[in-house]
Amino acid sequence: VIRHYYKWEKPIVLLSHSFGSNLSFVYSAVYPEEVSKFISIDCARHQMMVLPGTTVSSMRNTMDKTLKYEESLNPPQYSYDGLLEMFYKGRRGLISKEGCEILLSRGMSTLENGKVCLSRDVRVKLNAFGLLTEEVLLKLSGRIKCDVLSIQAENGTVHNNYKGEIFKKTVEII
């Protein structure tokens, strides 16, 4: 969509982080002829995967969240200090308070009443393509033909668990 909107010539280079890397991963697999390079920073594509035996409950959860987010597109309001503390605790000490302040400076808005809110669309938390099976993730990985650089933080989201192992398999296939 972005390539068409800006009338970019093929092939394109994708540089993306987290959720954006999910989208770039899928785009690179679905349109391999359009992408020459895919640079992924802390890709969370393993978060797009449904665990075996949980497909229906995961779909229901996604649908319930979609309805919830649609009903409440007015984001919660916080004091700056309250939001900073919540943001810092949510990062489990992996980012300093100063780092959290920097991230919030580009990810929050100040409201007329002096309160602040996160400026991102909460629907981004939903899985844009639904939840994918291990088989689909691995097949998508095999369709990527461009040069790929995948950068993962040492203490990032890829853990030593089932989903982390699948993420590692996708990297090996690519």
N, C-alpha and C. Protein backbone atom coordinates (compact mmCIF):
# COMPACT_ATOMS: atom_id res chain seq x y z
N VAL A 1 0.83 -1.19 0.00
CA VAL A 1 0.00 0.00 0.00
C VAL A 1 0.87 1.25 0.00
N ILE A 2 1.87 1.27 0.87
CA ILE A 2 2.74 2.45 0.94
C ILE A 2 3.51 2.62 -0.35
N ARG A 3 4.02 1.51 -0.91
CA ARG A 3 4.77 1.58 -2.17
C ARG A 3 3.91 2.19 -3.27
N HIS A 4 2.66 1.75 -3.34
CA HIS A 4 1.76 2.28 -4.36
C HIS A 4 1.43 3.75 -4.10
N TYR A 5 1.19 4.10 -2.86
CA TYR A 5 0.83 5.48 -2.51
C TYR A 5 1.94 6.45 -2.90
N TYR A 6 3.19 6.10 -2.57
CA TYR A 6 4.31 6.98 -2.86
C TYR A 6 4.89 6.76 -4.26
N LYS A 7 4.32 5.79 -4.99
CA LYS A 7 4.77 5.48 -6.35
C LYS A 7 6.26 5.11 -6.38
N TRP A 8 6.68 4.34 -5.40
CA TRP A 8 8.05 3.87 -5.36
C TRP A 8 8.25 2.81 -6.43
N GLU A 9 9.42 2.83 -7.02
CA GLU A 9 9.78 1.83 -8.01
C GLU A 9 10.17 0.53 -7.31
N LYS A 10 9.94 -0.57 -8.00
CA LYS A 10 10.39 -1.86 -7.47
C LYS A 10 11.85 -2.04 -7.85
N PRO A 11 12.63 -2.77 -7.15
CA PRO A 11 12.34 -3.35 -5.84
C PRO A 11 12.56 -2.33 -4.73
N ILE A 12 11.98 -2.59 -3.58
CA ILE A 12 12.08 -1.69 -2.45
C ILE A 12 12.91 -2.33 -1.34
N VAL A 13 13.40 -1.49 -0.43
CA VAL A 13 14.12 -1.94 0.75
C VAL A 13 13.21 -1.67 1.95
N LEU A 14 13.00 -2.67 2.77
CA LEU A 14 12.15 -2.53 3.95
C LEU A 14 13.01 -2.52 5.20
N LEU A 15 12.90 -1.47 5.99
CA LEU A 15 13.57 -1.36 7.28
C LEU A 15 12.47 -1.20 8.31
N SER A 16 12.36 -2.15 9.23
CA SER A 16 11.21 -2.13 10.12
C SER A 16 11.55 -2.69 11.49
N HIS A 17 10.68 -2.37 12.45
CA HIS A 17 10.87 -2.77 13.84
C HIS A 17 9.58 -3.37 14.39
N SER A 18 9.70 -4.43 15.15
CA SER A 18 8.61 -5.03 15.91
C SER A 18 7.41 -5.36 15.02
N PHE A 19 6.27 -4.73 15.28
CA PHE A 19 5.07 -4.99 14.49
C PHE A 19 5.30 -4.69 13.01
N GLY A 20 6.04 -3.62 12.73
CA GLY A 20 6.36 -3.29 11.34
C GLY A 20 7.15 -4.41 10.67
N SER A 21 7.98 -5.10 11.44
CA SER A 21 8.72 -6.24 10.90
C SER A 21 7.80 -7.40 10.57
N ASN A 22 6.72 -7.55 11.35
CA ASN A 22 5.73 -8.57 11.00
C ASN A 22 5.17 -8.28 9.62
N LEU A 23 4.78 -7.03 9.41
CA LEU A 23 4.19 -6.64 8.13
C LEU A 23 5.20 -6.79 7.00
N SER A 24 6.45 -6.39 7.24
CA SER A 24 7.49 -6.50 6.22
C SER A 24 7.80 -7.96 5.91
N PHE A 25 7.78 -8.81 6.92
CA PHE A 25 7.99 -10.25 6.73
C PHE A 25 6.93 -10.81 5.78
N VAL A 26 5.68 -10.51 6.07
CA VAL A 26 4.58 -11.02 5.23
C VAL A 26 4.67 -10.42 3.84
N TYR A 27 4.92 -9.11 3.74
CA TYR A 27 5.01 -8.45 2.43
C TYR A 27 6.14 -9.07 1.60
N SER A 28 7.30 -9.30 2.24
CA SER A 28 8.44 -9.88 1.52
C SER A 28 8.13 -11.28 1.02
N ALA A 29 7.28 -12.00 1.73
CA ALA A 29 6.92 -13.36 1.32
C ALA A 29 5.83 -13.37 0.26
N VAL A 30 4.88 -12.47 0.37
CA VAL A 30 3.75 -12.43 -0.56
C VAL A 30 4.15 -11.77 -1.88
N TYR A 31 5.04 -10.78 -1.81
CA TYR A 31 5.51 -10.06 -3.01
C TYR A 31 7.04 -10.14 -3.10
N PRO A 32 7.60 -11.33 -3.23
CA PRO A 32 9.06 -11.45 -3.21
C PRO A 32 9.75 -10.69 -4.35
N GLU A 33 9.07 -10.51 -5.45
CA GLU A 33 9.66 -9.80 -6.59
C GLU A 33 9.75 -8.29 -6.35
N GLU A 34 9.08 -7.79 -5.33
CA GLU A 34 9.06 -6.35 -5.08
C GLU A 34 10.05 -5.89 -4.02
N VAL A 35 10.72 -6.82 -3.34
CA VAL A 35 11.58 -6.46 -2.21
C VAL A 35 13.01 -6.93 -2.49
N SER A 36 13.97 -5.99 -2.42
CA SER A 36 15.37 -6.37 -2.63
C SER A 36 16.09 -6.63 -1.31
N LYS A 37 15.66 -5.93 -0.24
CA LYS A 37 16.28 -6.12 1.07
C LYS A 37 15.21 -5.95 2.14
N PHE A 38 15.35 -6.73 3.19
CA PHE A 38 14.44 -6.68 4.33
C PHE A 38 15.29 -6.65 5.59
N ILE A 39 15.26 -5.51 6.28
CA ILE A 39 16.02 -5.34 7.52
C ILE A 39 15.01 -5.32 8.66
N SER A 40 15.18 -6.26 9.56
CA SER A 40 14.21 -6.48 10.63
C SER A 40 14.88 -6.26 11.98
N ILE A 41 14.34 -5.34 12.77
CA ILE A 41 14.86 -5.08 14.11
C ILE A 41 13.83 -5.54 15.13
N ASP A 42 14.23 -6.50 15.95
CA ASP A 42 13.34 -7.07 16.97
C ASP A 42 12.00 -7.48 16.40
N CYS A 43 12.05 -8.28 15.35
CA CYS A 43 10.81 -8.75 14.74
C CYS A 43 10.03 -9.60 15.74
N ALA A 44 8.75 -9.38 15.78
CA ALA A 44 7.88 -10.12 16.70
C ALA A 44 6.99 -11.09 15.95
N ARG A 45 7.49 -11.64 14.81
CA ARG A 45 6.62 -12.49 14.00
C ARG A 45 6.19 -13.74 14.74
N HIS A 46 6.97 -14.18 15.72
CA HIS A 46 6.55 -15.34 16.51
C HIS A 46 5.28 -15.01 17.30
N GLN A 47 5.00 -13.73 17.53
CA GLN A 47 3.77 -13.34 18.22
C GLN A 47 2.55 -13.49 17.31
N MET A 48 2.78 -13.64 16.01
CA MET A 48 1.70 -13.84 15.05
C MET A 48 1.25 -15.30 15.02
N MET A 49 1.97 -16.15 15.73
CA MET A 49 1.74 -17.59 15.61
C MET A 49 0.80 -18.10 16.70
N VAL A 50 -0.10 -18.95 16.29
CA VAL A 50 -1.00 -19.61 17.22
C VAL A 50 -0.34 -20.90 17.71
N LEU A 51 -0.48 -21.17 18.99
CA LEU A 51 0.05 -22.42 19.52
C LEU A 51 -0.82 -23.58 19.07
N PRO A 52 -0.23 -24.74 18.84
CA PRO A 52 -1.03 -25.90 18.41
C PRO A 52 -2.19 -26.15 19.37
N GLY A 53 -3.37 -26.41 18.81
CA GLY A 53 -4.54 -26.72 19.62
C GLY A 53 -5.28 -25.52 20.17
N THR A 54 -4.83 -24.31 19.83
CA THR A 54 -5.48 -23.12 20.39
C THR A 54 -6.06 -22.20 19.32
N THR A 55 -6.18 -22.68 18.09
CA THR A 55 -6.60 -21.82 16.99
C THR A 55 -7.95 -21.17 17.25
N VAL A 56 -8.96 -21.94 17.62
CA VAL A 56 -10.30 -21.39 17.80
C VAL A 56 -10.33 -20.41 18.96
N SER A 57 -9.75 -20.77 20.09
CA SER A 57 -9.77 -19.85 21.24
C SER A 57 -8.97 -18.59 20.93
N SER A 58 -7.87 -18.71 20.17
CA SER A 58 -7.09 -17.54 19.79
C SER A 58 -7.88 -16.64 18.85
N MET A 59 -8.61 -17.24 17.92
CA MET A 59 -9.44 -16.44 17.01
C MET A 59 -10.52 -15.70 17.79
N ARG A 60 -11.14 -16.39 18.75
CA ARG A 60 -12.17 -15.75 19.56
C ARG A 60 -11.58 -14.58 20.34
N ASN A 61 -10.43 -14.80 20.93
CA ASN A 61 -9.77 -13.74 21.70
C ASN A 61 -9.48 -12.53 20.82
N THR A 62 -8.98 -12.77 19.60
CA THR A 62 -8.70 -11.67 18.67
C THR A 62 -9.98 -10.93 18.30
N MET A 63 -11.04 -11.66 18.03
CA MET A 63 -12.31 -11.02 17.68
C MET A 63 -12.85 -10.21 18.86
N ASP A 64 -12.78 -10.77 20.07
CA ASP A 64 -13.24 -10.05 21.26
C ASP A 64 -12.45 -8.76 21.45
N LYS A 65 -11.13 -8.84 21.28
CA LYS A 65 -10.29 -7.65 21.42
C LYS A 65 -10.62 -6.62 20.35
N THR A 66 -10.87 -7.08 19.13
CA THR A 66 -11.23 -6.16 18.05
C THR A 66 -12.47 -5.37 18.41
N LEU A 67 -13.48 -6.07 18.88
CA LEU A 67 -14.72 -5.39 19.28
C LEU A 67 -14.48 -4.43 20.44
N LYS A 68 -13.69 -4.85 21.40
CA LYS A 68 -13.39 -3.99 22.55
C LYS A 68 -12.68 -2.72 22.10
N TYR A 69 -11.68 -2.86 21.23
CA TYR A 69 -10.93 -1.70 20.77
C TYR A 69 -11.79 -0.78 19.92
N GLU A 70 -12.67 -1.34 19.12
CA GLU A 70 -13.56 -0.52 18.30
C GLU A 70 -14.51 0.29 19.17
N GLU A 71 -14.95 -0.30 20.29
CA GLU A 71 -15.87 0.40 21.18
C GLU A 71 -15.19 1.52 21.95
N SER A 72 -13.91 1.40 22.18
CA SER A 72 -13.23 2.39 23.03
C SER A 72 -11.99 2.94 22.34
N LEU A 73 -12.20 3.66 21.27
CA LEU A 73 -11.06 4.25 20.58
C LEU A 73 -10.60 5.54 21.25
N ASN A 74 -11.25 5.92 22.35
CA ASN A 74 -10.77 7.03 23.15
C ASN A 74 -9.74 6.47 24.12
N PRO A 75 -8.47 6.81 23.93
CA PRO A 75 -7.43 6.19 24.75
C PRO A 75 -7.49 6.64 26.21
N PRO A 76 -7.01 5.80 27.12
CA PRO A 76 -6.95 6.19 28.53
C PRO A 76 -6.04 7.40 28.71
N GLN A 77 -6.36 8.23 29.70
CA GLN A 77 -5.57 9.43 29.99
C GLN A 77 -4.79 9.22 31.28
N TYR A 78 -3.59 9.77 31.31
CA TYR A 78 -2.70 9.60 32.46
C TYR A 78 -2.02 10.93 32.79
N SER A 79 -1.48 11.01 34.01
CA SER A 79 -0.52 12.07 34.28
C SER A 79 0.78 11.63 33.60
N TYR A 80 1.66 12.57 33.28
CA TYR A 80 2.91 12.20 32.63
C TYR A 80 3.69 11.21 33.49
N ASP A 81 3.81 11.53 34.79
CA ASP A 81 4.57 10.66 35.69
C ASP A 81 3.94 9.27 35.78
N GLY A 82 2.61 9.21 35.80
CA GLY A 82 1.93 7.93 35.86
C GLY A 82 2.18 7.09 34.62
N LEU A 83 2.12 7.72 33.45
CA LEU A 83 2.37 7.00 32.21
C LEU A 83 3.82 6.55 32.13
N LEU A 84 4.74 7.43 32.53
CA LEU A 84 6.16 7.07 32.51
C LEU A 84 6.42 5.85 33.40
N GLU A 85 5.84 5.85 34.59
CA GLU A 85 6.04 4.73 35.52
C GLU A 85 5.46 3.43 34.94
N MET A 86 4.25 3.52 34.38
CA MET A 86 3.61 2.35 33.79
C MET A 86 4.45 1.82 32.62
N PHE A 87 4.93 2.73 31.78
CA PHE A 87 5.73 2.38 30.62
C PHE A 87 7.04 1.71 31.06
N TYR A 88 7.68 2.29 32.06
CA TYR A 88 8.95 1.75 32.58
C TYR A 88 8.75 0.36 33.16
N LYS A 89 7.73 0.17 33.98
CA LYS A 89 7.46 -1.14 34.58
C LYS A 89 7.12 -2.17 33.51
N GLY A 90 6.42 -1.73 32.46
CA GLY A 90 6.06 -2.63 31.37
C GLY A 90 7.26 -3.14 30.59
N ARG A 91 8.38 -2.44 30.68
CA ARG A 91 9.60 -2.85 29.98
C ARG A 91 10.48 -3.72 30.87
N ARG A 92 10.01 -4.02 32.05
CA ARG A 92 10.67 -4.92 33.01
C ARG A 92 12.14 -4.60 33.21
N GLY A 93 12.46 -3.31 33.27
CA GLY A 93 13.84 -2.91 33.54
C GLY A 93 14.79 -3.07 32.37
N LEU A 94 14.28 -3.45 31.20
CA LEU A 94 15.15 -3.63 30.04
C LEU A 94 15.52 -2.30 29.39
N ILE A 95 14.75 -1.26 29.71
CA ILE A 95 15.03 0.09 29.20
C ILE A 95 15.09 1.02 30.40
N SER A 96 16.07 1.92 30.42
CA SER A 96 16.19 2.87 31.52
C SER A 96 15.01 3.84 31.50
N LYS A 97 14.81 4.54 32.62
CA LYS A 97 13.74 5.55 32.66
C LYS A 97 13.99 6.62 31.61
N GLU A 98 15.26 7.00 31.44
CA GLU A 98 15.60 8.00 30.42
C GLU A 98 15.22 7.49 29.02
N GLY A 99 15.50 6.23 28.76
CA GLY A 99 15.12 5.63 27.48
C GLY A 99 13.61 5.63 27.29
N CYS A 100 12.88 5.34 28.37
CA CYS A 100 11.42 5.37 28.31
C CYS A 100 10.91 6.78 28.00
N GLU A 101 11.56 7.79 28.60
CA GLU A 101 11.16 9.17 28.32
C GLU A 101 11.34 9.50 26.84
N ILE A 102 12.44 9.02 26.26
CA ILE A 102 12.69 9.26 24.84
C ILE A 102 11.62 8.59 23.98
N LEU A 103 11.31 7.33 24.30
CA LEU A 103 10.28 6.62 23.53
C LEU A 103 8.92 7.29 23.68
N LEU A 104 8.60 7.73 24.90
CA LEU A 104 7.31 8.40 25.12
C LEU A 104 7.23 9.73 24.39
N SER A 105 8.37 10.40 24.24
CA SER A 105 8.34 11.71 23.58
C SER A 105 7.81 11.62 22.16
N ARG A 106 7.98 10.46 21.53
CA ARG A 106 7.45 10.30 20.17
C ARG A 106 6.21 9.43 20.12
N GLY A 107 5.81 8.87 21.27
CA GLY A 107 4.68 7.96 21.26
C GLY A 107 3.51 8.39 22.12
N MET A 108 3.50 9.66 22.55
CA MET A 108 2.39 10.13 23.37
C MET A 108 1.95 11.50 22.89
N SER A 109 0.76 11.86 23.28
CA SER A 109 0.20 13.17 22.96
C SER A 109 -0.25 13.83 24.24
N THR A 110 -0.08 15.15 24.31
CA THR A 110 -0.58 15.91 25.45
C THR A 110 -1.96 16.45 25.08
N LEU A 111 -2.90 16.22 25.96
CA LEU A 111 -4.29 16.63 25.73
C LEU A 111 -4.52 18.04 26.28
N GLU A 112 -5.63 18.64 25.88
CA GLU A 112 -5.96 20.00 26.32
C GLU A 112 -6.04 20.13 27.83
N ASN A 113 -6.45 19.06 28.51
CA ASN A 113 -6.60 19.11 29.97
C ASN A 113 -5.27 18.87 30.71
N GLY A 114 -4.16 18.79 29.97
CA GLY A 114 -2.86 18.60 30.59
C GLY A 114 -2.47 17.15 30.79
N LYS A 115 -3.40 16.25 30.62
CA LYS A 115 -3.10 14.82 30.73
C LYS A 115 -2.42 14.36 29.44
N VAL A 116 -1.89 13.15 29.47
CA VAL A 116 -1.24 12.58 28.28
C VAL A 116 -1.88 11.24 27.96
N CYS A 117 -1.72 10.83 26.72
CA CYS A 117 -2.19 9.51 26.30
C CYS A 117 -1.22 8.97 25.27
N LEU A 118 -1.22 7.66 25.11
CA LEU A 118 -0.41 7.05 24.06
C LEU A 118 -1.05 7.39 22.73
N SER A 119 -0.25 7.76 21.76
CA SER A 119 -0.80 8.20 20.48
C SER A 119 -0.92 7.09 19.46
N ARG A 120 -0.50 5.89 19.82
CA ARG A 120 -0.62 4.78 18.87
C ARG A 120 -2.05 4.27 18.82
N ASP A 121 -2.36 3.65 17.73
CA ASP A 121 -3.68 3.03 17.55
C ASP A 121 -3.64 1.69 18.27
N VAL A 122 -4.49 1.51 19.28
CA VAL A 122 -4.46 0.28 20.07
C VAL A 122 -4.78 -0.95 19.23
N ARG A 123 -5.39 -0.76 18.06
CA ARG A 123 -5.70 -1.91 17.21
C ARG A 123 -4.45 -2.56 16.66
N VAL A 124 -3.30 -1.86 16.75
CA VAL A 124 -2.03 -2.43 16.31
C VAL A 124 -1.70 -3.68 17.13
N LYS A 125 -2.22 -3.75 18.35
CA LYS A 125 -1.97 -4.92 19.20
C LYS A 125 -2.61 -6.18 18.62
N LEU A 126 -3.55 -6.00 17.73
CA LEU A 126 -4.23 -7.16 17.14
C LEU A 126 -3.37 -7.75 16.04
N ASN A 127 -3.62 -8.96 15.72
CA ASN A 127 -2.87 -9.63 14.66
C ASN A 127 -3.47 -9.27 13.31
N ALA A 128 -2.70 -8.52 12.52
CA ALA A 128 -3.22 -8.00 11.26
C ALA A 128 -3.65 -9.10 10.30
N PHE A 129 -3.00 -10.25 10.35
CA PHE A 129 -3.30 -11.32 9.42
C PHE A 129 -3.94 -12.51 10.13
N GLY A 130 -4.50 -12.25 11.30
CA GLY A 130 -4.99 -13.35 12.11
C GLY A 130 -3.80 -14.08 12.69
N LEU A 131 -4.05 -15.15 13.35
CA LEU A 131 -2.95 -15.94 13.90
C LEU A 131 -2.57 -17.01 12.90
N LEU A 132 -1.28 -17.13 12.66
CA LEU A 132 -0.78 -18.06 11.66
C LEU A 132 -0.28 -19.33 12.32
N THR A 133 -0.39 -20.42 11.63
CA THR A 133 0.14 -21.69 12.14
C THR A 133 1.64 -21.74 11.89
N GLU A 134 2.29 -22.66 12.56
CA GLU A 134 3.72 -22.87 12.34
C GLU A 134 3.98 -23.18 10.87
N GLU A 135 3.14 -24.01 10.28
CA GLU A 135 3.30 -24.39 8.88
C GLU A 135 3.27 -23.16 7.96
N VAL A 136 2.33 -22.25 8.20
CA VAL A 136 2.22 -21.06 7.36
C VAL A 136 3.43 -20.15 7.55
N LEU A 137 3.86 -19.95 8.79
CA LEU A 137 5.04 -19.11 9.02
C LEU A 137 6.27 -19.68 8.31
N LEU A 138 6.44 -20.98 8.36
CA LEU A 138 7.59 -21.59 7.71
C LEU A 138 7.49 -21.51 6.19
N LYS A 139 6.28 -21.67 5.65
CA LYS A 139 6.10 -21.53 4.19
C LYS A 139 6.36 -20.10 3.75
N LEU A 140 5.88 -19.13 4.52
CA LEU A 140 6.16 -17.73 4.20
C LEU A 140 7.66 -17.48 4.20
N SER A 141 8.36 -18.03 5.17
CA SER A 141 9.81 -17.86 5.26
C SER A 141 10.50 -18.36 4.00
N GLY A 142 10.03 -19.47 3.47
CA GLY A 142 10.63 -20.05 2.27
C GLY A 142 10.37 -19.24 1.01
N ARG A 143 9.41 -18.34 1.04
CA ARG A 143 9.09 -17.52 -0.13
C ARG A 143 9.93 -16.24 -0.19
N ILE A 144 10.62 -15.90 0.87
CA ILE A 144 11.40 -14.67 0.90
C ILE A 144 12.69 -14.88 0.12
N LYS A 145 12.90 -14.08 -0.92
CA LYS A 145 14.04 -14.26 -1.83
C LYS A 145 15.07 -13.14 -1.72
N CYS A 146 14.75 -12.08 -0.99
CA CYS A 146 15.64 -10.93 -0.92
C CYS A 146 16.73 -11.13 0.15
N ASP A 147 17.68 -10.20 0.18
CA ASP A 147 18.67 -10.19 1.25
C ASP A 147 17.96 -9.81 2.54
N VAL A 148 18.30 -10.49 3.63
CA VAL A 148 17.64 -10.25 4.92
C VAL A 148 18.69 -10.04 6.00
N LEU A 149 18.48 -9.01 6.80
CA LEU A 149 19.26 -8.79 8.01
C LEU A 149 18.27 -8.78 9.16
N SER A 150 18.41 -9.74 10.07
CA SER A 150 17.50 -9.85 11.21
C SER A 150 18.29 -9.55 12.47
N ILE A 151 17.94 -8.46 13.14
CA ILE A 151 18.63 -8.04 14.36
C ILE A 151 17.68 -8.27 15.53
N GLN A 152 18.13 -9.05 16.50
CA GLN A 152 17.33 -9.31 17.70
C GLN A 152 18.10 -8.83 18.92
N ALA A 153 17.41 -8.14 19.81
CA ALA A 153 18.03 -7.69 21.05
C ALA A 153 18.41 -8.89 21.90
N GLU A 154 19.50 -8.75 22.63
CA GLU A 154 19.97 -9.86 23.46
C GLU A 154 18.91 -10.30 24.46
N ASN A 155 18.20 -9.38 25.03
CA ASN A 155 17.13 -9.70 25.98
C ASN A 155 15.77 -9.33 25.39
N GLY A 156 15.61 -9.56 24.10
CA GLY A 156 14.38 -9.16 23.41
C GLY A 156 13.25 -10.14 23.61
N THR A 157 12.34 -10.16 22.64
CA THR A 157 11.12 -10.94 22.79
C THR A 157 11.24 -12.40 22.37
N VAL A 158 12.35 -12.78 21.75
CA VAL A 158 12.51 -14.18 21.37
C VAL A 158 13.06 -14.94 22.58
N HIS A 159 12.23 -15.79 23.12
CA HIS A 159 12.58 -16.53 24.33
C HIS A 159 12.88 -17.98 23.99
N ASN A 160 13.39 -18.67 24.97
CA ASN A 160 13.65 -20.11 24.81
C ASN A 160 12.37 -20.88 25.09
N ASN A 161 11.42 -20.75 24.20
CA ASN A 161 10.16 -21.48 24.31
C ASN A 161 9.74 -21.91 22.91
N TYR A 162 8.56 -22.48 22.81
CA TYR A 162 8.09 -23.01 21.53
C TYR A 162 8.08 -21.93 20.44
N LYS A 163 7.49 -20.78 20.73
CA LYS A 163 7.42 -19.72 19.72
C LYS A 163 8.82 -19.21 19.36
N GLY A 164 9.70 -19.13 20.34
CA GLY A 164 11.07 -18.70 20.07
C GLY A 164 11.79 -19.67 19.14
N GLU A 165 11.54 -20.95 19.32
CA GLU A 165 12.14 -21.96 18.45
C GLU A 165 11.62 -21.83 17.02
N ILE A 166 10.35 -21.54 16.87
CA ILE A 166 9.78 -21.36 15.53
C ILE A 166 10.38 -20.12 14.87
N PHE A 167 10.55 -19.03 15.64
CA PHE A 167 11.18 -17.84 15.10
C PHE A 167 12.57 -18.20 14.55
N LYS A 168 13.34 -18.95 15.32
CA LYS A 168 14.68 -19.34 14.89
C LYS A 168 14.63 -20.18 13.61
N LYS A 169 13.63 -21.04 13.50
CA LYS A 169 13.47 -21.84 12.27
C LYS A 169 13.20 -20.94 11.07
N THR A 170 12.38 -19.89 11.27
CA THR A 170 12.08 -18.99 10.14
C THR A 170 13.36 -18.30 9.67
N VAL A 171 14.22 -17.92 10.60
CA VAL A 171 15.48 -17.27 10.23
C VAL A 171 16.36 -18.25 9.46
N GLU A 172 16.43 -19.50 9.91
CA GLU A 172 17.24 -20.51 9.22
C GLU A 172 16.73 -20.74 7.80
N ILE A 173 15.43 -20.77 7.61
CA ILE A 173 14.85 -21.00 6.28
C ILE A 173 15.16 -19.84 5.35
N ILE A 174 15.02 -18.64 5.87
CA ILE A 174 15.27 -17.45 5.05
C ILE A 174 16.72 -17.44 4.61
